Protein backbone atom coordinates (compact mmCIF):
# COMPACT_ATOMS: atom_id res chain seq x y z
CA UNK A 1 -5.73 27.33 11.10
CA UNK A 2 -7.37 28.53 14.37
CA UNK A 3 -6.88 25.03 15.81
CA UNK A 4 -3.09 25.23 15.46
CA UNK A 5 -2.98 28.76 16.89
CA UNK A 6 -4.61 27.53 20.07
CA UNK A 7 -2.40 24.49 20.47
CA UNK A 8 1.09 25.94 19.71
CA UNK A 9 2.43 27.90 22.72
CA UNK A 10 5.80 29.59 23.30
CA UNK A 11 7.22 28.14 26.54
CA UNK A 12 10.87 28.78 27.50
CA UNK A 13 10.63 27.23 30.97
CA UNK A 14 10.13 23.60 29.97
CA UNK A 15 12.87 21.25 28.71
CA UNK A 16 13.03 20.08 25.10
CA UNK A 17 11.40 16.64 24.57
CA UNK A 18 14.23 15.49 22.23
CA UNK A 19 17.52 16.91 23.61
CA UNK A 20 16.32 17.41 27.22
CA UNK A 21 17.78 20.97 27.37
CA UNK A 22 16.30 24.38 28.14
CA UNK A 23 16.87 26.90 25.33
CA UNK A 24 15.73 30.46 24.61
CA UNK A 25 13.27 29.45 21.89
CA UNK A 26 10.96 26.54 22.82
CA UNK A 27 7.64 25.63 21.22
CA UNK A 28 4.99 23.62 23.09
CA UNK A 29 2.53 21.56 21.08
CA UNK A 30 0.17 18.90 22.41
CA UNK A 31 1.87 18.92 25.89
CA UNK A 32 5.34 18.31 24.33
CA UNK A 33 8.12 20.89 23.92
CA UNK A 34 10.72 21.17 21.13
CA UNK A 35 13.62 23.66 20.82
CA UNK A 36 14.70 25.45 17.61
CA UNK A 37 17.89 23.36 17.27
CA UNK A 38 16.02 20.04 17.23
CA UNK A 39 13.41 21.57 14.91
CA UNK A 40 16.15 22.52 12.40
CA UNK A 41 17.65 19.01 12.56
CA UNK A 42 14.28 17.39 11.78
CA UNK A 43 13.71 19.87 8.95
CA UNK A 44 17.14 19.05 7.40
CA UNK A 45 16.44 15.31 7.58
CA UNK A 46 13.15 15.73 5.70
CA UNK A 47 14.91 17.85 3.06
CA UNK A 48 17.58 15.14 2.55
CA UNK A 49 14.90 12.45 2.14
CA UNK A 50 13.14 14.55 -0.53
CA UNK A 51 16.44 14.83 -2.49
CA UNK A 52 16.98 11.03 -2.61
CA UNK A 53 15.79 8.88 -5.47
CA UNK A 54 12.01 8.53 -5.70
CA UNK A 55 10.89 5.04 -6.72
CA UNK A 56 7.75 5.27 -8.84
CA UNK A 57 5.31 2.46 -9.50
CA UNK A 58 7.21 -0.14 -11.49
CA UNK A 59 6.32 -0.77 -15.13
CA UNK A 60 6.42 -4.25 -16.64
CA UNK A 61 8.94 -3.92 -19.50
CA UNK A 62 9.40 -6.92 -21.79
CA UNK A 63 12.71 -8.88 -21.80
CA UNK A 64 13.41 -7.54 -25.34
CA UNK A 65 13.06 -3.96 -24.10
CA UNK A 66 15.38 -4.59 -21.12
CA UNK A 67 17.97 -6.22 -23.43
CA UNK A 68 17.89 -3.20 -25.77
CA UNK A 69 18.78 -0.92 -22.86
CA UNK A 70 21.63 -3.26 -21.86
CA UNK A 71 22.90 -3.17 -25.49
CA UNK A 72 23.42 0.61 -25.23
CA UNK A 73 25.99 0.20 -22.45
CA UNK A 74 27.41 -3.34 -22.84
CA UNK A 75 29.07 -4.96 -25.88
CA UNK A 76 28.47 -8.65 -26.65
CA UNK A 77 27.50 -11.16 -23.91
CA UNK A 78 24.16 -11.99 -25.56
CA UNK A 79 23.50 -15.03 -23.40
CA UNK A 80 23.96 -13.17 -20.09
CA UNK A 81 21.85 -10.24 -21.35
CA UNK A 82 18.97 -12.59 -22.16
CA UNK A 83 19.28 -14.39 -18.81
CA UNK A 84 19.29 -11.15 -16.78
CA UNK A 85 16.49 -9.59 -18.88
CA UNK A 86 14.21 -12.58 -18.25
CA UNK A 87 15.20 -12.67 -14.54
CA UNK A 88 14.33 -8.97 -14.04
CA UNK A 89 11.08 -9.41 -15.99
CA UNK A 90 10.06 -12.41 -13.86
CA UNK A 91 10.98 -10.51 -10.69
CA UNK A 92 8.60 -7.69 -11.68
CA UNK A 93 5.88 -10.22 -12.57
CA UNK A 94 6.26 -11.96 -9.21
CA UNK A 95 5.81 -8.63 -7.39
CA UNK A 96 2.69 -7.82 -9.42
CA UNK A 97 1.29 -11.31 -8.84
CA UNK A 98 1.80 -11.09 -5.06
CA UNK A 99 0.12 -7.66 -4.93
CA UNK A 100 -2.85 -8.14 -7.29
CA UNK A 101 -3.27 -11.81 -8.26
CA UNK A 102 -2.35 -13.41 -4.96
CA UNK A 103 -3.61 -16.97 -4.77
CA UNK A 104 -3.24 -19.06 -1.61
CA UNK A 105 -2.82 -22.26 -3.63
CA UNK A 106 0.22 -21.10 -5.65
CA UNK A 107 3.36 -19.50 -4.20
CA UNK A 108 5.77 -18.20 -6.88
CA UNK A 109 9.33 -18.44 -5.57
CA UNK A 110 12.25 -16.24 -6.63
CA UNK A 111 15.14 -17.44 -8.82
CA UNK A 112 18.49 -16.07 -7.63
CA UNK A 113 21.29 -15.76 -10.21
CA UNK A 114 25.01 -16.66 -10.31
CA UNK A 115 27.26 -14.89 -12.88
CA UNK A 116 30.74 -16.28 -13.63
CA UNK A 117 33.33 -14.45 -15.72
CA UNK A 118 36.95 -13.37 -15.88
CA UNK A 119 38.06 -9.94 -14.70
CA UNK A 120 37.18 -7.14 -17.12
CA UNK A 121 34.36 -9.03 -18.90
CA UNK A 122 31.60 -6.80 -17.48
CA UNK A 123 30.11 -8.36 -14.32
CA UNK A 124 30.05 -5.13 -12.28
CA UNK A 125 29.01 -3.14 -15.38
CA UNK A 126 25.94 -5.37 -15.70
CA UNK A 127 25.02 -4.57 -12.10
CA UNK A 128 25.45 -0.81 -12.57
CA UNK A 129 23.41 -0.81 -15.79
CA UNK A 130 20.60 -2.80 -14.17
CA UNK A 131 20.42 -0.19 -11.39
CA UNK A 132 19.78 2.49 -14.07
CA UNK A 133 16.95 0.47 -15.65
CA UNK A 134 15.08 -0.41 -12.46
CA UNK A 135 12.61 1.68 -10.52
CA UNK A 136 13.31 -0.55 -7.52
CA UNK A 137 16.04 -0.14 -4.86
CA UNK A 138 19.28 -1.77 -6.00
CA UNK A 139 22.42 -2.41 -3.89
CA UNK A 140 25.95 -3.51 -4.89
CA UNK A 141 28.00 -5.03 -2.04
CA UNK A 142 31.45 -6.62 -1.86
CA UNK A 143 31.55 -10.12 -0.34
CA UNK A 144 35.16 -9.77 0.92
CA UNK A 145 34.23 -7.44 3.82
CA UNK A 146 31.85 -9.89 5.51
CA UNK A 147 32.67 -12.39 8.26
CA UNK A 148 30.68 -14.81 10.39
CA UNK A 149 28.71 -13.25 13.27
CA UNK A 150 30.89 -12.54 16.32
CA UNK A 151 34.18 -12.02 14.44
CA UNK A 152 36.04 -8.91 13.24
CA UNK A 153 34.42 -7.59 10.06
CA UNK A 154 30.93 -6.69 8.86
CA UNK A 155 27.88 -8.83 9.60
CA UNK A 156 25.89 -10.20 6.66
CA UNK A 157 22.80 -8.32 7.93
CA UNK A 158 24.44 -5.04 6.78
CA UNK A 159 23.44 -5.99 3.21
CA UNK A 160 19.77 -5.48 4.08
CA UNK A 161 20.59 -2.36 6.14
CA UNK A 162 22.11 -0.76 3.00
CA UNK A 163 19.06 -1.78 0.99
CA UNK A 164 16.83 -0.17 3.62
CA UNK A 165 18.87 3.07 3.53
CA UNK A 166 18.60 3.33 -0.27
CA UNK A 167 14.82 2.81 -0.08
CA UNK A 168 14.52 5.76 2.39
CA UNK A 169 13.70 3.35 5.26
CA UNK A 170 10.54 2.23 3.48
CA UNK A 171 10.33 -1.44 4.56
CA UNK A 172 7.73 -2.43 1.94
CA UNK A 173 9.91 -1.00 -0.84
CA UNK A 174 13.11 -2.60 0.53
CA UNK A 175 11.40 -6.01 0.53
CA UNK A 176 11.01 -5.71 -3.28
CA UNK A 177 14.61 -4.72 -4.03
CA UNK A 178 17.54 -6.40 -5.78
CA UNK A 179 20.98 -7.11 -4.26
CA UNK A 180 24.19 -7.76 -6.25
CA UNK A 181 27.00 -9.46 -4.28
CA UNK A 182 30.36 -9.01 -6.04
CA UNK A 183 33.51 -11.15 -5.51
CA UNK A 184 31.37 -14.07 -4.38
CA UNK A 185 34.09 -16.59 -5.32
CA UNK A 186 36.26 -15.22 -2.46
CA UNK A 187 33.82 -16.91 -0.04
CA UNK A 188 34.79 -20.38 -1.27
CA UNK A 189 35.80 -23.03 1.23
CA UNK A 190 39.55 -22.77 1.87
CA UNK A 191 40.15 -26.56 2.01
CA UNK A 192 38.16 -29.77 1.76
CA UNK A 193 39.77 -31.34 4.83
CA UNK A 194 38.17 -30.57 8.21
CA UNK A 195 40.20 -27.99 10.15
CA UNK A 196 40.49 -27.12 13.84
CA UNK A 197 40.09 -23.38 13.07
CA UNK A 198 36.79 -22.03 11.70
CA UNK A 199 36.61 -20.56 8.19
CA UNK A 200 34.89 -17.34 9.34
CA UNK A 201 35.36 -15.36 6.11
CA UNK A 202 34.57 -18.21 3.70
CA UNK A 203 32.25 -21.10 4.46
CA UNK A 204 30.93 -19.30 7.57
CA UNK A 205 29.66 -16.38 5.43
CA UNK A 206 28.10 -18.81 2.92
CA UNK A 207 26.10 -20.43 5.71
CA UNK A 208 25.02 -16.98 6.97
CA UNK A 209 23.72 -16.10 3.49
CA UNK A 210 21.45 -19.15 3.34
CA UNK A 211 18.68 -17.41 5.29
CA UNK A 212 18.84 -14.43 2.88
CA UNK A 213 18.53 -16.51 -0.29
CA UNK A 214 15.61 -18.42 1.22
CA UNK A 215 12.22 -16.95 2.17
CA UNK A 216 12.69 -15.83 5.78
CA UNK A 217 12.30 -12.86 8.12
CA UNK A 218 15.62 -11.26 9.17
CA UNK A 219 15.91 -8.80 12.06
CA UNK A 220 18.40 -6.07 11.15
CA UNK A 221 19.86 -2.98 12.77
CA UNK A 222 18.61 0.37 11.34
CA UNK A 223 22.22 1.69 11.36
CA UNK A 224 25.28 0.01 9.82
CA UNK A 225 27.33 -1.80 12.44
CA UNK A 226 27.01 -4.45 15.10
CA UNK A 227 23.72 -5.32 16.83
CA UNK A 228 23.26 -4.12 20.41
CA UNK A 229 21.05 -5.78 23.03
CA UNK A 230 19.06 -2.58 23.72
CA UNK A 231 18.71 -1.64 20.03
CA UNK A 232 15.34 -1.74 18.26
CA UNK A 233 15.60 -4.19 15.34
CA UNK A 234 13.64 -3.96 12.08
CA UNK A 235 12.10 -7.16 10.61
CA UNK A 236 12.58 -7.60 6.83
CA UNK A 237 11.11 -10.43 4.79
CA UNK A 238 13.51 -11.67 2.08
CA UNK A 239 10.77 -13.51 0.15
CA UNK A 240 10.72 -10.99 -2.73
CA UNK A 241 14.34 -9.72 -2.60
CA UNK A 242 16.23 -10.96 -5.68
CA UNK A 243 19.92 -11.84 -5.14
CA UNK A 244 22.47 -11.75 -7.99
CA UNK A 245 25.97 -12.99 -7.14
CA UNK A 246 29.07 -12.72 -9.35
CA UNK A 247 32.74 -13.65 -9.30
CA UNK A 248 35.76 -14.56 -11.42
CA UNK A 249 36.10 -18.09 -9.98
CA UNK A 250 39.81 -18.19 -10.81
CA UNK A 251 40.94 -21.78 -11.46
CA UNK A 252 37.52 -23.28 -12.20
CA UNK A 253 38.63 -23.82 -15.82
CA UNK A 254 41.23 -26.32 -14.60
CA UNK A 255 38.58 -28.18 -12.57
CA UNK A 256 36.39 -28.53 -15.68
CA UNK A 257 39.38 -29.64 -17.83
CA UNK A 258 40.38 -32.29 -15.28
CA UNK A 259 36.82 -33.64 -15.30
CA UNK A 260 36.61 -33.75 -19.11
CA UNK A 261 40.17 -35.09 -19.45
CA UNK A 262 41.30 -37.09 -16.37
CA UNK A 263 44.94 -36.46 -15.44
CA UNK A 264 45.87 -40.12 -14.81
CA UNK A 265 44.86 -41.39 -18.27
CA UNK A 266 47.58 -42.51 -20.70
CA UNK A 267 47.70 -43.85 -24.24
CA UNK A 268 45.40 -42.00 -26.64
CA UNK A 269 45.05 -39.01 -24.29
CA UNK A 270 46.04 -36.54 -27.06
CA UNK A 271 42.55 -36.89 -28.59
CA UNK A 272 41.02 -35.28 -25.49
CA UNK A 273 43.60 -32.46 -25.60
CA UNK A 274 42.67 -31.61 -29.17
CA UNK A 275 38.99 -31.49 -28.22
CA UNK A 276 39.67 -29.12 -25.32
CA UNK A 277 41.72 -26.79 -27.55
CA UNK A 278 38.80 -26.48 -29.98
CA UNK A 279 36.39 -25.35 -27.21
CA UNK A 280 35.92 -21.55 -27.38
CA UNK A 281 34.69 -21.18 -23.80
CA UNK A 282 35.18 -24.11 -21.44
CA UNK A 283 32.53 -22.69 -19.09
CA UNK A 284 29.97 -24.22 -21.50
CA UNK A 285 30.71 -27.50 -19.72
CA UNK A 286 30.28 -26.11 -16.19
CA UNK A 287 28.31 -28.35 -13.80
CA UNK A 288 27.16 -28.09 -10.19
CA UNK A 289 29.86 -30.60 -9.16
CA UNK A 290 32.55 -28.21 -10.47
CA UNK A 291 31.22 -25.44 -8.20
CA UNK A 292 31.18 -27.83 -5.23
CA UNK A 293 34.78 -28.81 -5.92
CA UNK A 294 35.73 -25.13 -6.11
CA UNK A 295 34.44 -24.61 -2.56
CA UNK A 296 30.81 -23.46 -2.82
CA UNK A 297 28.61 -25.41 -0.40
CA UNK A 298 25.74 -27.40 -2.01
CA UNK A 299 23.06 -25.56 0.04
CA UNK A 300 24.07 -22.24 -1.62
CA UNK A 301 24.17 -23.78 -5.13
CA UNK A 302 20.66 -25.13 -4.62
CA UNK A 303 19.45 -21.60 -3.88
CA UNK A 304 21.08 -20.21 -7.09
CA UNK A 305 19.04 -22.00 -9.78
CA UNK A 306 20.05 -19.65 -12.64
CA UNK A 307 23.77 -19.98 -13.52
CA UNK A 308 25.21 -17.95 -16.41
CA UNK A 309 28.72 -17.03 -17.57
CA UNK A 310 30.45 -14.27 -19.53
CA UNK A 311 32.51 -14.99 -22.64
CA UNK A 312 36.08 -13.78 -23.03
CA UNK A 313 36.43 -10.57 -25.03
CA UNK A 314 37.71 -10.68 -28.63
CA UNK A 315 39.62 -8.05 -30.61
CA UNK A 316 36.45 -6.66 -32.22
CA UNK A 317 34.76 -6.45 -28.80
CA UNK A 318 37.59 -4.25 -27.50
CA UNK A 319 37.20 -1.91 -30.49
CA UNK A 320 33.44 -1.62 -29.95
CA UNK A 321 33.89 -0.99 -26.20
CA UNK A 322 36.13 2.00 -27.00
CA UNK A 323 33.67 3.68 -29.39
CA UNK A 324 30.17 2.20 -29.49
CA UNK A 325 28.61 2.32 -25.97
CA UNK A 326 26.72 5.38 -24.77
CA UNK A 327 29.35 6.00 -22.11
CA UNK A 328 32.45 4.76 -23.99
CA UNK A 329 35.99 5.67 -22.92
CA UNK A 330 36.83 7.67 -26.06
CA UNK A 331 33.63 9.73 -25.70
CA UNK A 332 34.54 10.50 -22.10
CA UNK A 333 38.04 11.74 -23.00
CA UNK A 334 36.71 13.79 -25.95
CA UNK A 335 34.27 15.59 -23.63
CA UNK A 336 37.02 16.28 -21.08
CA UNK A 337 39.37 17.74 -23.69
CA UNK A 338 36.57 19.86 -25.21
CA UNK A 339 36.61 21.88 -22.01
CA UNK A 340 40.19 22.93 -22.90
CA UNK A 341 39.42 23.58 -26.62
CA UNK A 342 41.36 20.47 -27.70
CA UNK A 343 40.05 18.41 -30.60
CA UNK A 344 41.33 14.88 -31.36
CA UNK A 345 41.19 13.22 -34.77
CA UNK A 346 40.90 9.48 -34.13
CA UNK A 347 41.75 6.98 -36.85
CA UNK A 348 41.39 3.20 -36.92
CA UNK A 349 45.15 2.73 -36.48
CA UNK A 350 44.92 4.68 -33.19
CA UNK A 351 42.27 2.24 -31.85
CA UNK A 352 44.12 -0.84 -33.13
CA UNK A 353 47.26 0.04 -31.15
CA UNK A 354 45.25 0.62 -27.94
CA UNK A 355 43.52 -2.76 -28.40
CA UNK A 356 46.81 -4.53 -29.13
CA UNK A 357 48.47 -3.14 -25.99
CA UNK A 358 45.37 -3.92 -23.89
CA UNK A 359 45.33 -7.60 -24.92
CA UNK A 360 48.98 -7.87 -23.80
CA UNK A 361 48.03 -6.70 -20.30
CA UNK A 362 45.41 -9.45 -19.88
CA UNK A 363 43.11 -7.31 -17.71
CA UNK A 364 40.07 -7.46 -19.97
CA UNK A 365 38.14 -4.24 -20.66
CA UNK A 366 39.75 -2.58 -17.60
CA UNK A 367 43.07 -2.65 -19.46
CA UNK A 368 41.66 -0.16 -22.00
CA UNK A 369 41.47 2.48 -19.28
CA UNK A 370 45.08 1.77 -18.33
CA UNK A 371 46.40 2.36 -21.87
CA UNK A 372 44.12 5.33 -22.56
CA UNK A 373 45.26 7.06 -19.38
CA UNK A 374 48.90 6.90 -20.55
CA UNK A 375 48.04 8.53 -23.89
CA UNK A 376 45.66 11.19 -22.57
CA UNK A 377 47.97 12.07 -19.68
CA UNK A 378 50.56 13.03 -22.31
CA UNK A 379 47.97 15.15 -24.17
CA UNK A 380 46.76 16.91 -21.01
CA UNK A 381 50.26 17.77 -19.85
CA UNK A 382 51.73 18.94 -23.18
CA UNK A 383 48.80 20.55 -25.04
CA UNK A 384 46.66 22.26 -22.42
CA UNK A 385 47.62 25.95 -22.16
CA UNK A 386 46.43 28.82 -19.97
CA UNK A 387 45.08 30.82 -22.91
CA UNK A 388 42.93 27.83 -23.97
CA UNK A 389 43.45 28.31 -27.71
CA UNK A 390 41.89 25.81 -30.08
CA UNK A 391 44.22 22.86 -30.69
CA UNK A 392 43.72 19.95 -33.12
CA UNK A 393 45.77 16.77 -32.51
CA UNK A 394 46.41 14.08 -35.11
CA UNK A 395 47.86 10.77 -33.98
CA UNK A 396 49.97 8.37 -36.03
CA UNK A 397 51.29 4.92 -35.11
CA UNK A 398 54.73 6.39 -34.44
CA UNK A 399 53.40 9.08 -32.08
CA UNK A 400 51.44 6.62 -29.94
CA UNK A 401 54.29 4.10 -29.77
CA UNK A 402 56.68 6.84 -28.67
CA UNK A 403 54.32 7.90 -25.88
CA UNK A 404 53.90 4.32 -24.64
CA UNK A 405 57.63 3.59 -24.82
CA UNK A 406 58.66 6.58 -22.70
CA UNK A 407 59.70 5.55 -19.20
CA UNK A 408 57.47 8.03 -17.38
CA UNK A 409 54.37 6.71 -19.15
CA UNK A 410 55.03 2.98 -18.87
């Protein structure tokens, strides 16, 4: 303690080392001066860092354990759950192997993942749920905002900048993280024919992502935005960063159908049509050539060895989504209405009507929120009172149909 007393001196004559200003309260330590304003700023930054998520030492959970956690939040999609559970497990194992069992002879490479599924089947929900499970930094980014370097839009390097921010600027931790790129299908090549103009938001971004998916060192800016010549860049190795990409790939079903059943054939072509009608999910027959025809360059496909797809939701799946998950829609609305002393008695007929109307919309699980909002808007407006007396609401088929039919709630 005596050592610090000797070194710290009050000196109001010298300029602050950080802001280069002379203030009333300056502290000199080790031949450098700092003012009270800069001292408060540094103190606030350290307080903000302490409030952010702390990433503990990762535990190696089995694929069965990871799948059980996914089951709490997501209904169905067994195949994708198994694929992602094994991928996360192998990612953890690879990190442990590189830290403790590193062998110069063997280099275990990462296996990036591609998820295909229609809107409302749960692609983004998978990403959000994985972020809850992991003790590693996890980032969700939208592919539509990126453009090729030098054009209007965000640079691809901002993906790693966001990962670095979430990991509290700990480079070692950021190099072990996971990145989910949503709306990846929007980066598809616009046309097969060579064009005079460059495809800066499609094929150009795909080519920029090649260095990320491969094992390479990328120099990024510490702050989101464009690189500047005088800016200090941070090197990040993407060797251990796992990339998961997802998209709807609208129209890929037609590409698969045309391959299974050629358009130009005549004669006994009806046999092929009957076969296609019997197929529950045509994505079972997805091949790499179909993705190439859609507009994904072969270099990217080669760096996405694990390809999985999400099945279309059935009537029973919609029912389970409303009630069963830990964070289901009905549970959310019940908790909100509890705050106003309103109790709802939900019967099976109530859920059946919501599911029926949702299927008509064709928006997948997102359509459930659309229909529920119409019903619960009516409840909130007509039953919530200032006195907050206890109210119990019973719904029949007629009541719900009347609410949905009204013009103001269409």
